[in-house]
Amino acid sequence: MGDTKNKIFLGILLLATLVLVSAGAASAADGKVNINSAGVDELALLPRVGATVAARIIEFRDANGSFEATEDLMLVKGIGERTFELIEPYVSLSGETTLVEKVRSPRKAESEDQDEN
C-alpha cells in the first residue's frame, strides 16, 4: 500500500511541476517589449535579438524618432522579414515592457530559415 501512495504522490508532484512550467512559458509568451522606450537589456529579450541588434534599434530610434509601426523594425540592420515574424508577437509601440525573460526562437524555424538561404 505504501508503494502505491508513493506513486500517487510522485504523479501529483510531476503534474504540479508541469503546470508550473507551462504557466511560466505562457507568461513569457504574453509579455511585450515597448520598442519606443525599451533599453538594450529589454530589447535583447526578443528572439534572435542580442545586444548588438538591440543597440542598433536604440540608435535607429534616437536618429529617427519613435517607431510609428512595428514593421519599421525591419529598417534596422539585422532585422529582416524572418526575424520580424518571430519578434512581432512580442513588440508594441506603447505601454510598459512586460517581457521578463528571453524568448528563444524555435529550432524548427531556425533550420527552415537555413534551408531557404
C-alpha atoms as a PDB file:
ATOM      1  CA  MET A   1       0.000   0.000   0.000  1.00  0.00           C
ATOM      2  CA  GLY A   2       2.867   2.384   0.800  1.00  0.00           C
ATOM      3  CA  ASP A   3       4.338   1.906  -2.686  1.00  0.00           C
ATOM      4  CA  THR A   4       1.021   2.913  -4.278  1.00  0.00           C
ATOM      5  CA  LYS A   5       0.834   6.064  -2.146  1.00  0.00           C
ATOM      6  CA  ASN A   6       4.378   6.983  -3.196  1.00  0.00           C
ATOM      7  CA  LYS A   7       3.494   6.553  -6.870  1.00  0.00           C
ATOM      8  CA  ILE A   8       0.387   8.683  -6.488  1.00  0.00           C
ATOM      9  CA  PHE A   9       2.357  11.362  -4.631  1.00  0.00           C
ATOM     10  CA  LEU A  10       5.072  11.373  -7.315  1.00  0.00           C
ATOM     11  CA  GLY A  11       2.426  11.576 -10.038  1.00  0.00           C
ATOM     12  CA  ILE A  12       0.787  14.566  -8.381  1.00  0.00           C
ATOM     13  CA  LEU A  13       4.173  16.216  -7.864  1.00  0.00           C
ATOM     14  CA  LEU A  14       5.062  15.693 -11.533  1.00  0.00           C
ATOM     15  CA  LEU A  15       1.728  17.083 -12.668  1.00  0.00           C
ATOM     16  CA  ALA A  16       2.122  20.161 -10.449  1.00  0.00           C
ATOM     17  CA  THR A  17       5.610  20.746 -11.846  1.00  0.00           C
ATOM     18  CA  LEU A  18       4.336  20.536 -15.427  1.00  0.00           C
ATOM     19  CA  VAL A  19       1.552  23.011 -14.677  1.00  0.00           C
ATOM     20  CA  LEU A  20       4.013  25.484 -13.147  1.00  0.00           C
ATOM     21  CA  VAL A  21       6.458  25.165 -16.054  1.00  0.00           C
ATOM     22  CA  SER A  22       3.746  25.650 -18.665  1.00  0.00           C
ATOM     23  CA  ALA A  23       2.357  28.643 -16.752  1.00  0.00           C
ATOM     24  CA  GLY A  24       5.821  30.228 -16.796  1.00  0.00           C
ATOM     25  CA  ALA A  25       6.110  29.671 -20.537  1.00  0.00           C
ATOM     26  CA  ALA A  26       2.688  31.189 -21.092  1.00  0.00           C
ATOM     27  CA  SER A  27       3.568  34.298 -19.095  1.00  0.00           C
ATOM     28  CA  ALA A  28       6.732  34.797 -21.154  1.00  0.00           C
ATOM     29  CA  ALA A  29       4.688  34.447 -24.330  1.00  0.00           C
ATOM     30  CA  ASP A  30       2.242  37.085 -23.085  1.00  0.00           C
ATOM     31  CA  GLY A  31       4.953  39.669 -22.447  1.00  0.00           C
ATOM     32  CA  LYS A  32       5.641  42.633 -24.690  1.00  0.00           C
ATOM     33  CA  VAL A  33       8.593  44.925 -25.298  1.00  0.00           C
ATOM     34  CA  ASN A  34       7.828  48.575 -25.986  1.00  0.00           C
ATOM     35  CA  ILE A  35      10.259  49.281 -28.826  1.00  0.00           C
ATOM     36  CA  ASN A  36       9.883  53.037 -28.298  1.00  0.00           C
ATOM     37  CA  SER A  37      11.139  53.026 -24.711  1.00  0.00           C
ATOM     38  CA  ALA A  38      12.963  49.752 -24.028  1.00  0.00           C
ATOM     39  CA  GLY A  39      16.654  49.643 -23.261  1.00  0.00           C
ATOM     40  CA  VAL A  40      19.248  47.228 -24.619  1.00  0.00           C
ATOM     41  CA  ASP A  41      18.601  44.583 -21.965  1.00  0.00           C
ATOM     42  CA  GLU A  42      14.853  44.600 -22.571  1.00  0.00           C
ATOM     43  CA  LEU A  43      15.173  44.521 -26.359  1.00  0.00           C
ATOM     44  CA  ALA A  44      17.640  41.633 -26.110  1.00  0.00           C
ATOM     45  CA  LEU A  45      14.843  39.518 -24.590  1.00  0.00           C
ATOM     46  CA  LEU A  46      13.283  39.282 -28.054  1.00  0.00           C
ATOM     47  CA  PRO A  47      14.003  36.159 -30.112  1.00  0.00           C
ATOM     48  CA  ARG A  48      17.059  36.469 -32.381  1.00  0.00           C
ATOM     49  CA  VAL A  49      17.924  39.864 -30.880  1.00  0.00           C
ATOM     50  CA  GLY A  50      21.158  40.185 -28.969  1.00  0.00           C
ATOM     51  CA  ALA A  51      22.954  43.176 -27.506  1.00  0.00           C
ATOM     52  CA  THR A  52      24.299  44.333 -30.882  1.00  0.00           C
ATOM     53  CA  VAL A  53      20.939  44.389 -32.669  1.00  0.00           C
ATOM     54  CA  ALA A  54      19.285  45.862 -29.566  1.00  0.00           C
ATOM     55  CA  ALA A  55      21.819  48.711 -29.641  1.00  0.00           C
ATOM     56  CA  ARG A  56      21.063  49.248 -33.348  1.00  0.00           C
ATOM     57  CA  ILE A  57      17.338  49.511 -32.545  1.00  0.00           C
ATOM     58  CA  ILE A  58      18.077  52.235 -29.997  1.00  0.00           C
ATOM     59  CA  GLU A  59      20.462  54.049 -32.383  1.00  0.00           C
ATOM     60  CA  PHE A  60      17.781  53.968 -35.079  1.00  0.00           C
ATOM     61  CA  ARG A  61      15.163  55.252 -32.626  1.00  0.00           C
ATOM     62  CA  ASP A  62      17.468  58.038 -31.440  1.00  0.00           C
ATOM     63  CA  ALA A  63      18.236  59.102 -35.023  1.00  0.00           C
ATOM     64  CA  ASN A  64      14.692  58.822 -36.419  1.00  0.00           C
ATOM     65  CA  GLY A  65      12.339  59.286 -33.501  1.00  0.00           C
ATOM     66  CA  SER A  66       9.774  56.854 -32.180  1.00  0.00           C
ATOM     67  CA  PHE A  67       8.727  53.921 -34.304  1.00  0.00           C
ATOM     68  CA  GLU A  68       5.354  54.599 -35.919  1.00  0.00           C
ATOM     69  CA  ALA A  69       4.715  50.958 -36.852  1.00  0.00           C
ATOM     70  CA  THR A  70       6.241  47.742 -35.559  1.00  0.00           C
ATOM     71  CA  GLU A  71       7.152  46.875 -39.155  1.00  0.00           C
ATOM     72  CA  ASP A  72       9.618  49.791 -39.061  1.00  0.00           C
ATOM     73  CA  LEU A  73      11.920  47.465 -37.125  1.00  0.00           C
ATOM     74  CA  MET A  74      12.817  45.946 -40.487  1.00  0.00           C
ATOM     75  CA  LEU A  75      14.605  49.210 -41.294  1.00  0.00           C
ATOM     76  CA  VAL A  76      17.153  48.320 -38.601  1.00  0.00           C
ATOM     77  CA  LYS A  77      20.218  46.438 -39.826  1.00  0.00           C
ATOM     78  CA  GLY A  78      19.984  42.839 -38.672  1.00  0.00           C
ATOM     79  CA  ILE A  79      16.193  42.594 -38.657  1.00  0.00           C
ATOM     80  CA  GLY A  80      14.786  41.084 -41.804  1.00  0.00           C
ATOM     81  CA  GLU A  81      11.373  39.651 -42.563  1.00  0.00           C
ATOM     82  CA  ARG A  82      12.041  36.296 -40.894  1.00  0.00           C
ATOM     83  CA  THR A  83      13.337  37.844 -37.702  1.00  0.00           C
ATOM     84  CA  PHE A  84      10.475  40.317 -37.664  1.00  0.00           C
ATOM     85  CA  GLU A  85       7.960  37.458 -37.969  1.00  0.00           C
ATOM     86  CA  LEU A  86       9.479  35.895 -34.844  1.00  0.00           C
ATOM     87  CA  ILE A  87       9.549  39.077 -32.771  1.00  0.00           C
ATOM     88  CA  GLU A  88       6.276  40.654 -33.934  1.00  0.00           C
ATOM     89  CA  PRO A  89       4.093  38.939 -31.297  1.00  0.00           C
ATOM     90  CA  TYR A  90       6.334  40.352 -28.561  1.00  0.00           C
ATOM     91  CA  VAL A  91       6.636  44.010 -29.580  1.00  0.00           C
ATOM     92  CA  SER A  92       4.454  47.042 -29.001  1.00  0.00           C
ATOM     93  CA  LEU A  93       4.660  50.758 -29.701  1.00  0.00           C
ATOM     94  CA  SER A  94       3.338  51.903 -26.323  1.00  0.00           C
ATOM     95  CA  GLY A  95       2.746  50.764 -22.777  1.00  0.00           C
ATOM     96  CA  GLU A  96       5.145  49.173 -20.373  1.00  0.00           C
ATOM     97  CA  THR A  97       7.600  46.446 -21.270  1.00  0.00           C
ATOM     98  CA  THR A  98       6.271  43.304 -19.626  1.00  0.00           C
ATOM     99  CA  LEU A  99       8.512  40.641 -21.138  1.00  0.00           C
ATOM    100  CA  VAL A 100      10.782  39.369 -18.378  1.00  0.00           C
ATOM    101  CA  GLU A 101      12.768  36.514 -19.876  1.00  0.00           C
ATOM    102  CA  LYS A 102      14.483  35.755 -23.161  1.00  0.00           C
ATOM    103  CA  VAL A 103      12.214  34.280 -25.810  1.00  0.00           C
ATOM    104  CA  ARG A 104      14.033  31.509 -27.622  1.00  0.00           C
ATOM    105  CA  SER A 105      13.267  31.038 -31.284  1.00  0.00           C
ATOM    106  CA  PRO A 106      12.004  27.578 -32.166  1.00  0.00           C
ATOM    107  CA  ARG A 107      14.650  25.226 -33.525  1.00  0.00           C
ATOM    108  CA  LYS A 108      12.438  24.144 -36.409  1.00  0.00           C
ATOM    109  CA  ALA A 109      12.021  27.709 -37.624  1.00  0.00           C
ATOM    110  CA  GLU A 110      15.773  28.269 -37.480  1.00  0.00           C
ATOM    111  CA  SER A 111      16.517  25.145 -39.511  1.00  0.00           C
ATOM    112  CA  GLU A 112      13.856  26.099 -42.092  1.00  0.00           C
ATOM    113  CA  ASP A 113      15.434  29.546 -42.394  1.00  0.00           C
ATOM    114  CA  GLN A 114      18.827  27.974 -43.044  1.00  0.00           C
ATOM    115  CA  ASP A 115      17.335  25.652 -45.683  1.00  0.00           C
ATOM    116  CA  GLU A 116      15.876  28.621 -47.544  1.00  0.00           C
ATOM    117  CA  ASN A 117      19.196  30.548 -47.670  1.00  0.00           C
END
